[in-house]
N, C-alpha and C. Protein backbone atom coordinates (compact mmCIF):
# COMPACT_ATOMS: atom_id res chain seq x y z
N MET A 1 -27.87 177.40 100.38
CA MET A 1 -27.95 177.04 101.77
C MET A 1 -29.04 175.98 101.93
N ASN A 2 -28.73 174.92 102.64
CA ASN A 2 -29.68 173.84 102.87
C ASN A 2 -30.49 174.16 104.12
N LYS A 3 -31.69 174.72 103.94
CA LYS A 3 -32.50 175.21 105.07
C LYS A 3 -32.98 174.08 105.98
N LYS A 4 -33.04 172.89 105.46
CA LYS A 4 -33.45 171.74 106.27
C LYS A 4 -32.51 171.55 107.46
N TYR A 5 -31.24 171.86 107.25
CA TYR A 5 -30.23 171.62 108.27
C TYR A 5 -29.88 172.86 109.11
N LEU A 6 -30.55 173.98 108.92
CA LEU A 6 -30.22 175.19 109.66
C LEU A 6 -30.35 175.02 111.18
N PRO A 7 -31.40 174.36 111.70
CA PRO A 7 -31.43 174.14 113.15
C PRO A 7 -30.24 173.31 113.63
N SER A 8 -29.83 172.35 112.82
CA SER A 8 -28.66 171.55 113.17
C SER A 8 -27.40 172.40 113.17
N ALA A 9 -27.30 173.32 112.22
CA ALA A 9 -26.13 174.20 112.17
C ALA A 9 -26.05 175.04 113.45
N LEU A 10 -27.19 175.54 113.91
CA LEU A 10 -27.19 176.32 115.15
C LEU A 10 -26.73 175.47 116.33
N ILE A 11 -27.19 174.24 116.39
CA ILE A 11 -26.78 173.36 117.49
C ILE A 11 -25.30 173.02 117.38
N LEU A 12 -24.81 172.83 116.16
CA LEU A 12 -23.38 172.57 115.97
C LEU A 12 -22.56 173.78 116.43
N TYR A 13 -23.05 174.97 116.12
CA TYR A 13 -22.37 176.18 116.59
C TYR A 13 -22.41 176.27 118.11
N LEU A 14 -23.51 175.88 118.71
CA LEU A 14 -23.61 175.90 120.17
C LEU A 14 -22.62 174.94 120.82
N ASN A 15 -22.30 173.84 120.12
CA ASN A 15 -21.24 172.96 120.60
C ASN A 15 -19.95 173.74 120.79
N TYR A 16 -19.65 174.61 119.84
CA TYR A 16 -18.42 175.40 119.94
C TYR A 16 -18.54 176.53 120.96
N PHE A 17 -19.76 176.96 121.24
CA PHE A 17 -19.96 177.92 122.32
C PHE A 17 -19.53 177.29 123.65
N ILE A 18 -20.01 176.07 123.90
CA ILE A 18 -19.65 175.36 125.13
C ILE A 18 -18.17 174.98 125.09
N HIS A 19 -17.67 174.66 123.92
CA HIS A 19 -16.24 174.35 123.77
C HIS A 19 -15.39 175.56 124.18
N GLY A 20 -15.84 176.76 123.82
CA GLY A 20 -15.12 177.96 124.22
C GLY A 20 -15.03 178.10 125.73
N VAL A 21 -16.10 177.72 126.41
CA VAL A 21 -16.09 177.74 127.88
C VAL A 21 -15.15 176.65 128.39
N GLY A 22 -15.28 175.45 127.87
CA GLY A 22 -14.51 174.30 128.35
C GLY A 22 -13.01 174.48 128.21
N CYS A 23 -12.58 175.10 127.11
CA CYS A 23 -11.13 175.31 126.91
C CYS A 23 -10.62 176.49 127.73
N SER A 24 -11.44 177.49 127.93
CA SER A 24 -10.99 178.71 128.60
C SER A 24 -11.06 178.62 130.12
N ILE A 25 -11.86 177.72 130.62
CA ILE A 25 -12.12 177.70 132.06
C ILE A 25 -10.86 177.43 132.87
N LEU A 26 -9.98 176.59 132.36
CA LEU A 26 -8.76 176.28 133.11
C LEU A 26 -7.76 177.44 133.13
N GLY A 27 -7.96 178.42 132.27
CA GLY A 27 -7.09 179.58 132.24
C GLY A 27 -7.52 180.69 133.17
N GLN A 28 -8.69 180.55 133.77
CA GLN A 28 -9.20 181.60 134.66
C GLN A 28 -8.56 181.49 136.04
N ALA A 29 -8.09 182.61 136.55
CA ALA A 29 -7.35 182.62 137.82
C ALA A 29 -8.16 182.03 138.97
N VAL A 30 -9.42 182.37 139.05
CA VAL A 30 -10.23 181.90 140.17
C VAL A 30 -10.39 180.37 140.14
N ILE A 31 -10.52 179.80 138.95
CA ILE A 31 -10.64 178.35 138.81
C ILE A 31 -9.30 177.69 139.10
N LYS A 32 -8.22 178.27 138.58
CA LYS A 32 -6.88 177.72 138.86
C LYS A 32 -6.63 177.65 140.36
N GLU A 33 -6.96 178.73 141.06
CA GLU A 33 -6.72 178.77 142.51
C GLU A 33 -7.57 177.73 143.24
N ALA A 34 -8.83 177.60 142.83
CA ALA A 34 -9.71 176.62 143.49
C ALA A 34 -9.23 175.19 143.23
N LEU A 35 -8.84 174.90 142.00
CA LEU A 35 -8.36 173.56 141.67
C LEU A 35 -7.04 173.26 142.37
N ALA A 36 -6.13 174.24 142.38
CA ALA A 36 -4.84 174.03 143.05
C ALA A 36 -5.04 173.77 144.53
N ALA A 37 -5.94 174.51 145.15
CA ALA A 37 -6.22 174.29 146.58
C ALA A 37 -6.83 172.92 146.81
N SER A 38 -7.73 172.52 145.93
CA SER A 38 -8.39 171.22 146.07
C SER A 38 -7.40 170.07 145.90
N TRP A 39 -6.47 170.21 144.95
CA TRP A 39 -5.55 169.12 144.64
C TRP A 39 -4.24 169.19 145.41
N GLY A 40 -4.04 170.26 146.16
CA GLY A 40 -2.81 170.39 146.94
C GLY A 40 -1.58 170.60 146.08
N VAL A 41 -1.72 171.34 144.98
CA VAL A 41 -0.60 171.63 144.09
C VAL A 41 -0.44 173.14 143.96
N GLN A 42 0.65 173.55 143.34
CA GLN A 42 0.86 174.97 143.05
C GLN A 42 -0.08 175.40 141.91
N VAL A 43 -0.42 176.68 141.89
CA VAL A 43 -1.32 177.19 140.86
C VAL A 43 -0.74 176.96 139.46
N MET A 44 0.56 177.08 139.31
CA MET A 44 1.18 176.88 138.00
C MET A 44 1.06 175.43 137.51
N ALA A 45 0.83 174.49 138.41
CA ALA A 45 0.69 173.09 138.00
C ALA A 45 -0.59 172.88 137.19
N ILE A 46 -1.55 173.78 137.34
CA ILE A 46 -2.80 173.67 136.58
C ILE A 46 -2.53 173.89 135.09
N THR A 47 -1.46 174.59 134.77
CA THR A 47 -1.08 174.81 133.37
C THR A 47 -0.83 173.48 132.66
N ALA A 48 -0.31 172.49 133.39
CA ALA A 48 -0.08 171.17 132.78
C ALA A 48 -1.40 170.52 132.37
N ILE A 49 -2.46 170.79 133.13
CA ILE A 49 -3.78 170.25 132.76
C ILE A 49 -4.23 170.91 131.45
N SER A 50 -4.02 172.22 131.34
CA SER A 50 -4.37 172.92 130.09
C SER A 50 -3.54 172.38 128.92
N ALA A 51 -2.27 172.09 129.17
CA ALA A 51 -1.41 171.55 128.12
C ALA A 51 -1.85 170.15 127.70
N ALA A 52 -2.47 169.41 128.62
CA ALA A 52 -2.95 168.07 128.28
C ALA A 52 -4.07 168.13 127.25
N LEU A 53 -4.82 169.23 127.22
CA LEU A 53 -5.82 169.41 126.15
C LEU A 53 -5.12 169.40 124.78
N GLY A 54 -4.01 170.13 124.68
CA GLY A 54 -3.26 170.16 123.43
C GLY A 54 -2.65 168.81 123.10
N LEU A 55 -2.18 168.11 124.13
CA LEU A 55 -1.61 166.78 123.91
C LEU A 55 -2.67 165.82 123.36
N GLY A 56 -3.86 165.85 123.94
CA GLY A 56 -4.95 165.00 123.46
C GLY A 56 -5.31 165.31 122.02
N ARG A 57 -5.30 166.59 121.68
CA ARG A 57 -5.59 166.99 120.31
C ARG A 57 -4.54 166.44 119.36
N LEU A 58 -3.28 166.54 119.75
CA LEU A 58 -2.20 166.02 118.90
C LEU A 58 -2.27 164.50 118.75
N ILE A 59 -2.68 163.83 119.82
CA ILE A 59 -2.80 162.37 119.76
C ILE A 59 -3.88 161.98 118.76
N ALA A 60 -5.00 162.70 118.76
CA ALA A 60 -6.14 162.30 117.94
C ALA A 60 -6.09 162.78 116.50
N LEU A 61 -5.36 163.84 116.21
CA LEU A 61 -5.37 164.41 114.87
C LEU A 61 -5.07 163.41 113.75
N PRO A 62 -4.09 162.52 113.91
CA PRO A 62 -3.79 161.61 112.80
C PRO A 62 -4.93 160.64 112.45
N PHE A 63 -5.78 160.30 113.41
CA PHE A 63 -6.83 159.34 113.09
C PHE A 63 -8.24 159.93 113.13
N ALA A 64 -8.45 161.11 113.70
CA ALA A 64 -9.80 161.69 113.77
C ALA A 64 -10.32 162.05 112.38
N GLY A 65 -9.47 162.65 111.55
CA GLY A 65 -9.89 163.02 110.19
C GLY A 65 -10.26 161.82 109.33
N PRO A 66 -9.36 160.83 109.22
CA PRO A 66 -9.72 159.65 108.43
C PRO A 66 -10.96 158.91 108.96
N LEU A 67 -11.11 158.86 110.30
CA LEU A 67 -12.31 158.22 110.85
C LEU A 67 -13.56 159.01 110.48
N SER A 68 -13.48 160.33 110.52
CA SER A 68 -14.62 161.16 110.13
C SER A 68 -14.97 160.94 108.66
N ASP A 69 -13.96 160.82 107.81
CA ASP A 69 -14.21 160.58 106.39
C ASP A 69 -14.82 159.20 106.16
N LYS A 70 -14.37 158.22 106.94
CA LYS A 70 -14.84 156.86 106.75
C LYS A 70 -16.21 156.62 107.38
N LEU A 71 -16.39 157.10 108.63
CA LEU A 71 -17.62 156.82 109.37
C LEU A 71 -18.68 157.90 109.24
N GLY A 72 -18.29 159.09 108.84
CA GLY A 72 -19.24 160.18 108.66
C GLY A 72 -19.15 161.22 109.77
N ARG A 73 -19.73 162.37 109.47
CA ARG A 73 -19.67 163.48 110.40
C ARG A 73 -20.50 163.28 111.65
N ARG A 74 -21.60 162.57 111.51
CA ARG A 74 -22.44 162.30 112.69
C ARG A 74 -21.67 161.54 113.76
N ILE A 75 -20.98 160.50 113.34
CA ILE A 75 -20.23 159.68 114.29
C ILE A 75 -19.09 160.49 114.90
N SER A 76 -18.40 161.26 114.06
CA SER A 76 -17.29 162.07 114.55
C SER A 76 -17.78 163.11 115.57
N THR A 77 -18.90 163.76 115.26
CA THR A 77 -19.47 164.74 116.19
C THR A 77 -19.95 164.06 117.46
N ALA A 78 -20.51 162.88 117.33
CA ALA A 78 -20.98 162.14 118.52
C ALA A 78 -19.80 161.76 119.42
N ILE A 79 -18.71 161.30 118.81
CA ILE A 79 -17.52 160.95 119.59
C ILE A 79 -16.98 162.20 120.29
N GLY A 80 -16.92 163.31 119.56
CA GLY A 80 -16.43 164.56 120.14
C GLY A 80 -17.30 165.06 121.28
N SER A 81 -18.61 165.05 121.08
CA SER A 81 -19.52 165.53 122.13
C SER A 81 -19.46 164.63 123.36
N GLY A 82 -19.47 163.33 123.13
CA GLY A 82 -19.40 162.40 124.26
C GLY A 82 -18.08 162.52 125.02
N SER A 83 -16.99 162.67 124.28
CA SER A 83 -15.68 162.82 124.92
C SER A 83 -15.59 164.13 125.69
N TYR A 84 -16.19 165.17 125.14
CA TYR A 84 -16.17 166.46 125.84
C TYR A 84 -16.97 166.38 127.13
N ALA A 85 -18.09 165.67 127.11
CA ALA A 85 -18.88 165.48 128.33
C ALA A 85 -18.06 164.72 129.37
N ILE A 86 -17.31 163.70 128.93
CA ILE A 86 -16.44 162.94 129.84
C ILE A 86 -15.39 163.87 130.44
N TYR A 87 -14.80 164.72 129.62
CA TYR A 87 -13.79 165.68 130.10
C TYR A 87 -14.36 166.58 131.19
N LEU A 88 -15.53 167.17 130.93
CA LEU A 88 -16.09 168.12 131.89
C LEU A 88 -16.58 167.44 133.17
N ILE A 89 -17.21 166.28 133.03
CA ILE A 89 -17.63 165.53 134.23
C ILE A 89 -16.40 165.07 135.00
N GLY A 90 -15.37 164.66 134.27
CA GLY A 90 -14.11 164.25 134.91
C GLY A 90 -13.47 165.37 135.70
N LEU A 91 -13.52 166.60 135.17
CA LEU A 91 -12.98 167.74 135.91
C LEU A 91 -13.75 167.95 137.21
N ALA A 92 -15.07 167.82 137.14
CA ALA A 92 -15.87 167.98 138.36
C ALA A 92 -15.55 166.89 139.37
N LEU A 93 -15.43 165.65 138.90
CA LEU A 93 -15.10 164.54 139.80
C LEU A 93 -13.69 164.69 140.36
N ALA A 94 -12.77 165.18 139.53
CA ALA A 94 -11.40 165.41 140.00
C ALA A 94 -11.37 166.50 141.06
N PHE A 95 -12.19 167.52 140.89
CA PHE A 95 -12.29 168.59 141.89
C PHE A 95 -12.75 168.01 143.22
N ASN A 96 -13.72 167.10 143.16
CA ASN A 96 -14.22 166.46 144.38
C ASN A 96 -13.20 165.50 144.99
N ALA A 97 -12.38 164.86 144.15
CA ALA A 97 -11.41 163.88 144.65
C ALA A 97 -10.32 164.53 145.48
N GLY A 98 -10.07 165.81 145.24
CA GLY A 98 -9.07 166.54 146.02
C GLY A 98 -7.68 165.95 145.88
N THR A 99 -7.02 165.76 147.01
CA THR A 99 -5.63 165.25 146.99
C THR A 99 -5.56 163.75 146.78
N ASN A 100 -6.69 163.09 146.67
CA ASN A 100 -6.74 161.63 146.47
C ASN A 100 -6.77 161.29 144.99
N GLY A 101 -5.86 161.84 144.22
CA GLY A 101 -5.77 161.52 142.79
C GLY A 101 -6.50 162.48 141.89
N GLY A 102 -7.01 163.57 142.43
CA GLY A 102 -7.76 164.52 141.61
C GLY A 102 -6.95 165.09 140.46
N TYR A 103 -5.69 165.41 140.72
CA TYR A 103 -4.84 166.00 139.68
C TYR A 103 -4.63 165.00 138.54
N GLN A 104 -4.39 163.75 138.88
CA GLN A 104 -4.17 162.72 137.85
C GLN A 104 -5.45 162.47 137.04
N ILE A 105 -6.59 162.46 137.73
CA ILE A 105 -7.87 162.29 137.03
C ILE A 105 -8.07 163.43 136.04
N ALA A 106 -7.80 164.65 136.49
CA ALA A 106 -7.98 165.82 135.63
C ALA A 106 -7.05 165.76 134.42
N TYR A 107 -5.83 165.29 134.61
CA TYR A 107 -4.87 165.21 133.50
C TYR A 107 -5.38 164.24 132.43
N VAL A 108 -5.82 163.07 132.86
CA VAL A 108 -6.35 162.08 131.91
C VAL A 108 -7.60 162.62 131.22
N CYS A 109 -8.48 163.25 131.99
CA CYS A 109 -9.71 163.80 131.40
C CYS A 109 -9.40 164.93 130.42
N ALA A 110 -8.35 165.71 130.70
CA ALA A 110 -7.97 166.77 129.78
C ALA A 110 -7.45 166.20 128.46
N ILE A 111 -6.75 165.09 128.52
CA ILE A 111 -6.33 164.42 127.27
C ILE A 111 -7.57 163.99 126.48
N VAL A 112 -8.57 163.45 127.19
CA VAL A 112 -9.83 163.07 126.53
C VAL A 112 -10.50 164.31 125.94
N GLY A 113 -10.43 165.45 126.64
CA GLY A 113 -10.98 166.70 126.12
C GLY A 113 -10.28 167.15 124.85
N GLY A 114 -8.96 166.95 124.77
CA GLY A 114 -8.24 167.28 123.55
C GLY A 114 -8.63 166.37 122.40
N ILE A 115 -8.84 165.11 122.70
CA ILE A 115 -9.31 164.16 121.68
C ILE A 115 -10.70 164.59 121.20
N ALA A 116 -11.54 165.02 122.13
CA ALA A 116 -12.88 165.51 121.78
C ALA A 116 -12.78 166.69 120.82
N ASN A 117 -11.87 167.58 121.09
CA ASN A 117 -11.68 168.76 120.24
C ASN A 117 -11.37 168.34 118.80
N SER A 118 -10.49 167.36 118.64
CA SER A 118 -10.15 166.88 117.29
C SER A 118 -11.37 166.30 116.58
N PHE A 119 -12.14 165.50 117.28
CA PHE A 119 -13.31 164.89 116.66
C PHE A 119 -14.39 165.92 116.35
N LEU A 120 -14.57 166.90 117.23
CA LEU A 120 -15.52 167.97 116.92
C LEU A 120 -15.10 168.72 115.67
N ASP A 121 -13.80 169.03 115.58
CA ASP A 121 -13.31 169.75 114.40
C ASP A 121 -13.55 168.97 113.12
N THR A 122 -13.26 167.67 113.14
CA THR A 122 -13.39 166.88 111.91
C THR A 122 -14.84 166.60 111.55
N GLY A 123 -15.74 166.73 112.50
CA GLY A 123 -17.15 166.52 112.19
C GLY A 123 -17.91 167.80 111.90
N ILE A 124 -17.64 168.84 112.68
CA ILE A 124 -18.47 170.05 112.59
C ILE A 124 -18.02 170.99 111.48
N TYR A 125 -16.73 171.18 111.31
CA TYR A 125 -16.27 172.09 110.25
C TYR A 125 -16.82 171.68 108.87
N PRO A 126 -16.67 170.42 108.47
CA PRO A 126 -17.23 170.06 107.15
C PRO A 126 -18.76 170.10 107.13
N ALA A 127 -19.39 169.77 108.27
CA ALA A 127 -20.85 169.76 108.29
C ALA A 127 -21.42 171.16 108.09
N VAL A 128 -20.90 172.16 108.80
CA VAL A 128 -21.43 173.51 108.62
C VAL A 128 -21.06 174.06 107.25
N SER A 129 -19.92 173.64 106.71
CA SER A 129 -19.56 174.07 105.36
C SER A 129 -20.51 173.50 104.32
N GLU A 130 -21.02 172.29 104.55
CA GLU A 130 -21.99 171.69 103.64
C GLU A 130 -23.37 172.28 103.83
N ILE A 131 -23.71 172.62 105.07
CA ILE A 131 -25.02 173.22 105.32
C ILE A 131 -25.10 174.61 104.70
N ILE A 132 -24.07 175.41 104.89
CA ILE A 132 -24.02 176.76 104.33
C ILE A 132 -23.04 176.73 103.15
N TYR A 133 -23.37 175.94 102.15
CA TYR A 133 -22.44 175.65 101.06
C TYR A 133 -22.18 176.84 100.15
N LYS A 134 -23.04 177.84 100.15
CA LYS A 134 -22.80 179.01 99.30
C LYS A 134 -21.74 179.94 99.88
N ALA A 135 -21.49 179.82 101.18
CA ALA A 135 -20.49 180.66 101.84
C ALA A 135 -19.76 179.85 102.91
N PRO A 136 -18.94 178.86 102.50
CA PRO A 136 -18.28 178.01 103.49
C PRO A 136 -17.32 178.78 104.40
N GLY A 137 -16.75 179.87 103.90
CA GLY A 137 -15.87 180.68 104.74
C GLY A 137 -16.64 181.33 105.89
N VAL A 138 -17.82 181.80 105.58
CA VAL A 138 -18.69 182.39 106.62
C VAL A 138 -19.12 181.30 107.60
N ALA A 139 -19.37 180.12 107.08
CA ALA A 139 -19.80 179.01 107.95
C ALA A 139 -18.72 178.69 108.98
N THR A 140 -17.47 178.63 108.55
CA THR A 140 -16.40 178.32 109.49
C THR A 140 -16.08 179.51 110.39
N MET A 141 -16.27 180.73 109.91
CA MET A 141 -16.08 181.89 110.78
C MET A 141 -17.13 181.91 111.89
N GLY A 142 -18.30 181.35 111.62
CA GLY A 142 -19.34 181.26 112.64
C GLY A 142 -18.87 180.44 113.84
N ILE A 143 -18.06 179.42 113.60
CA ILE A 143 -17.52 178.61 114.69
C ILE A 143 -16.64 179.48 115.58
N LYS A 144 -15.75 180.25 114.97
CA LYS A 144 -14.88 181.14 115.74
C LYS A 144 -15.68 182.19 116.48
N PHE A 145 -16.76 182.65 115.85
CA PHE A 145 -17.63 183.65 116.49
C PHE A 145 -18.25 183.10 117.77
N PHE A 146 -18.76 181.88 117.72
CA PHE A 146 -19.38 181.29 118.91
C PHE A 146 -18.35 181.02 120.00
N ILE A 147 -17.14 180.63 119.64
CA ILE A 147 -16.08 180.45 120.64
C ILE A 147 -15.76 181.79 121.29
N ALA A 148 -15.64 182.84 120.47
CA ALA A 148 -15.30 184.16 121.01
C ALA A 148 -16.40 184.70 121.93
N ILE A 149 -17.65 184.49 121.56
CA ILE A 149 -18.76 184.95 122.41
C ILE A 149 -18.72 184.22 123.75
N ALA A 150 -18.46 182.93 123.73
CA ALA A 150 -18.39 182.16 124.98
C ALA A 150 -17.25 182.66 125.85
N GLN A 151 -16.11 182.92 125.24
CA GLN A 151 -14.96 183.40 126.01
C GLN A 151 -15.19 184.81 126.54
N MET A 152 -16.00 185.60 125.84
CA MET A 152 -16.32 186.93 126.32
C MET A 152 -17.29 186.87 127.51
N LEU A 153 -18.23 185.94 127.47
CA LEU A 153 -19.23 185.83 128.54
C LEU A 153 -18.73 185.06 129.76
N LEU A 154 -17.69 184.26 129.58
CA LEU A 154 -17.19 183.42 130.67
C LEU A 154 -16.84 184.20 131.94
N PRO A 155 -16.15 185.34 131.88
CA PRO A 155 -15.86 186.05 133.12
C PRO A 155 -17.12 186.48 133.89
N PHE A 156 -18.18 186.81 133.17
CA PHE A 156 -19.43 187.19 133.83
C PHE A 156 -20.06 185.98 134.52
N VAL A 157 -20.04 184.85 133.83
CA VAL A 157 -20.58 183.62 134.42
C VAL A 157 -19.74 183.22 135.64
N LEU A 158 -18.43 183.35 135.51
CA LEU A 158 -17.56 183.04 136.65
C LEU A 158 -17.82 183.98 137.82
N GLY A 159 -18.09 185.25 137.52
CA GLY A 159 -18.41 186.20 138.58
C GLY A 159 -19.64 185.76 139.37
N MET A 160 -20.67 185.31 138.64
CA MET A 160 -21.87 184.81 139.33
C MET A 160 -21.57 183.53 140.10
N THR A 161 -20.76 182.65 139.51
CA THR A 161 -20.41 181.40 140.16
C THR A 161 -19.59 181.65 141.42
N VAL A 162 -18.65 182.59 141.35
CA VAL A 162 -17.83 182.93 142.53
C VAL A 162 -18.73 183.46 143.64
N ALA A 163 -19.68 184.31 143.27
CA ALA A 163 -20.57 184.88 144.28
C ALA A 163 -21.41 183.80 144.96
N THR A 164 -21.95 182.88 144.18
CA THR A 164 -22.77 181.82 144.78
C THR A 164 -21.93 180.81 145.53
N THR A 165 -20.69 180.58 145.08
CA THR A 165 -19.79 179.67 145.79
C THR A 165 -19.38 180.28 147.13
N ALA A 166 -19.06 181.57 147.12
CA ALA A 166 -18.67 182.25 148.35
C ALA A 166 -19.81 182.27 149.36
N ALA A 167 -21.04 182.34 148.85
CA ALA A 167 -22.20 182.34 149.73
C ALA A 167 -22.57 180.93 150.19
N GLY A 168 -21.87 179.92 149.67
CA GLY A 168 -22.13 178.54 150.05
C GLY A 168 -23.34 177.93 149.36
N LEU A 169 -23.81 178.56 148.29
CA LEU A 169 -25.01 178.08 147.60
C LEU A 169 -24.71 176.99 146.57
N THR A 170 -23.52 177.02 146.01
CA THR A 170 -23.15 176.05 144.97
C THR A 170 -21.63 175.92 144.94
N SER A 171 -21.12 175.08 144.06
CA SER A 171 -19.67 174.96 143.89
C SER A 171 -19.34 175.16 142.42
N TYR A 172 -18.05 175.18 142.12
CA TYR A 172 -17.62 175.32 140.74
C TYR A 172 -18.03 174.12 139.90
N ASN A 173 -18.32 173.02 140.54
CA ASN A 173 -18.74 171.83 139.80
C ASN A 173 -19.99 172.08 138.97
N THR A 174 -20.84 172.97 139.44
CA THR A 174 -22.06 173.29 138.70
C THR A 174 -21.72 173.74 137.28
N LEU A 175 -20.67 174.52 137.14
CA LEU A 175 -20.25 174.99 135.82
C LEU A 175 -19.81 173.82 134.95
N PHE A 176 -19.03 172.90 135.51
CA PHE A 176 -18.57 171.74 134.74
C PHE A 176 -19.74 170.84 134.36
N TYR A 177 -20.62 170.56 135.31
CA TYR A 177 -21.76 169.68 135.04
C TYR A 177 -22.72 170.29 134.02
N SER A 178 -22.98 171.60 134.12
CA SER A 178 -23.91 172.21 133.16
C SER A 178 -23.33 172.20 131.76
N ASP A 179 -22.02 172.41 131.63
CA ASP A 179 -21.40 172.32 130.30
C ASP A 179 -21.48 170.89 129.76
N ALA A 180 -21.23 169.91 130.62
CA ALA A 180 -21.30 168.51 130.19
C ALA A 180 -22.72 168.15 129.76
N GLU A 181 -23.70 168.65 130.50
CA GLU A 181 -25.10 168.38 130.14
C GLU A 181 -25.42 169.01 128.78
N SER A 182 -24.87 170.18 128.52
CA SER A 182 -25.10 170.83 127.23
C SER A 182 -24.56 169.98 126.09
N PHE A 183 -23.35 169.46 126.24
CA PHE A 183 -22.79 168.61 125.19
C PHE A 183 -23.63 167.36 124.98
N THR A 184 -24.11 166.78 126.07
CA THR A 184 -24.94 165.58 125.96
C THR A 184 -26.24 165.88 125.24
N SER A 185 -26.88 167.00 125.58
CA SER A 185 -28.14 167.33 124.92
C SER A 185 -27.92 167.72 123.47
N TYR A 186 -26.80 168.38 123.14
CA TYR A 186 -26.51 168.70 121.74
C TYR A 186 -26.30 167.43 120.94
N PHE A 187 -25.64 166.46 121.56
CA PHE A 187 -25.42 165.18 120.89
C PHE A 187 -26.75 164.53 120.51
N PHE A 188 -27.69 164.47 121.46
CA PHE A 188 -28.96 163.82 121.18
C PHE A 188 -29.84 164.62 120.24
N SER A 189 -29.66 165.93 120.20
CA SER A 189 -30.51 166.72 119.31
C SER A 189 -29.99 166.77 117.88
N THR A 190 -28.74 166.41 117.64
CA THR A 190 -28.21 166.47 116.27
C THR A 190 -27.86 165.12 115.69
N ARG A 191 -28.04 164.06 116.41
CA ARG A 191 -27.49 162.79 115.92
C ARG A 191 -28.07 162.34 114.59
N ASN A 192 -29.26 162.81 114.21
CA ASN A 192 -29.82 162.40 112.92
C ASN A 192 -29.96 163.55 111.93
N ASP A 193 -29.52 164.74 112.31
CA ASP A 193 -29.72 165.90 111.45
C ASP A 193 -28.42 166.58 111.02
N ILE A 194 -27.40 165.82 110.77
CA ILE A 194 -26.14 166.34 110.25
C ILE A 194 -25.92 165.69 108.90
N PRO A 195 -25.47 166.46 107.92
CA PRO A 195 -25.20 165.82 106.62
C PRO A 195 -24.29 164.62 106.80
N ALA A 196 -24.67 163.52 106.21
CA ALA A 196 -24.01 162.23 106.48
C ALA A 196 -22.62 162.11 105.88
N SER A 197 -22.38 162.69 104.73
CA SER A 197 -21.11 162.44 104.03
C SER A 197 -19.92 163.12 104.63
């Protein structure tokens, strides 16, 4: 195990913690209802936004891996983190746009989020496998662990967000913005501490 990179491994895992929130948030009933009301669409139409995440991933898969191999894991992780921040900020802006194109903004941003997912995968999976090189299987299971923990905690966070939103103290945008800020800060904290190859 390369102990020099252990703090970076933790930050890379935290990327997937936030990723677990970002992918799961559109599946939550309370968020679907709020977005559908804001955009003037049926609740089931929000499923197309979730599907756009998969579409973006499929679009990027053919070139994300070769780019990661050619440019390195740092660049791939940076592209993924930056794209994920764009996705989450875009969702917040789309929520604010309402019926004035909010649904279309969210669809495009979800495609960007899917592209981000591909770049994160091609940068972080090999990086944590190199950092914890004696047990690469455990290293990649750690990614799934952080996603699962985020998805387990999300309903509790949503419960607090619903309570503060109902009280008029905040909006759901706070959740999107805080996740985007996390990706941005993870990007700046790991940009020089990921194995280069």
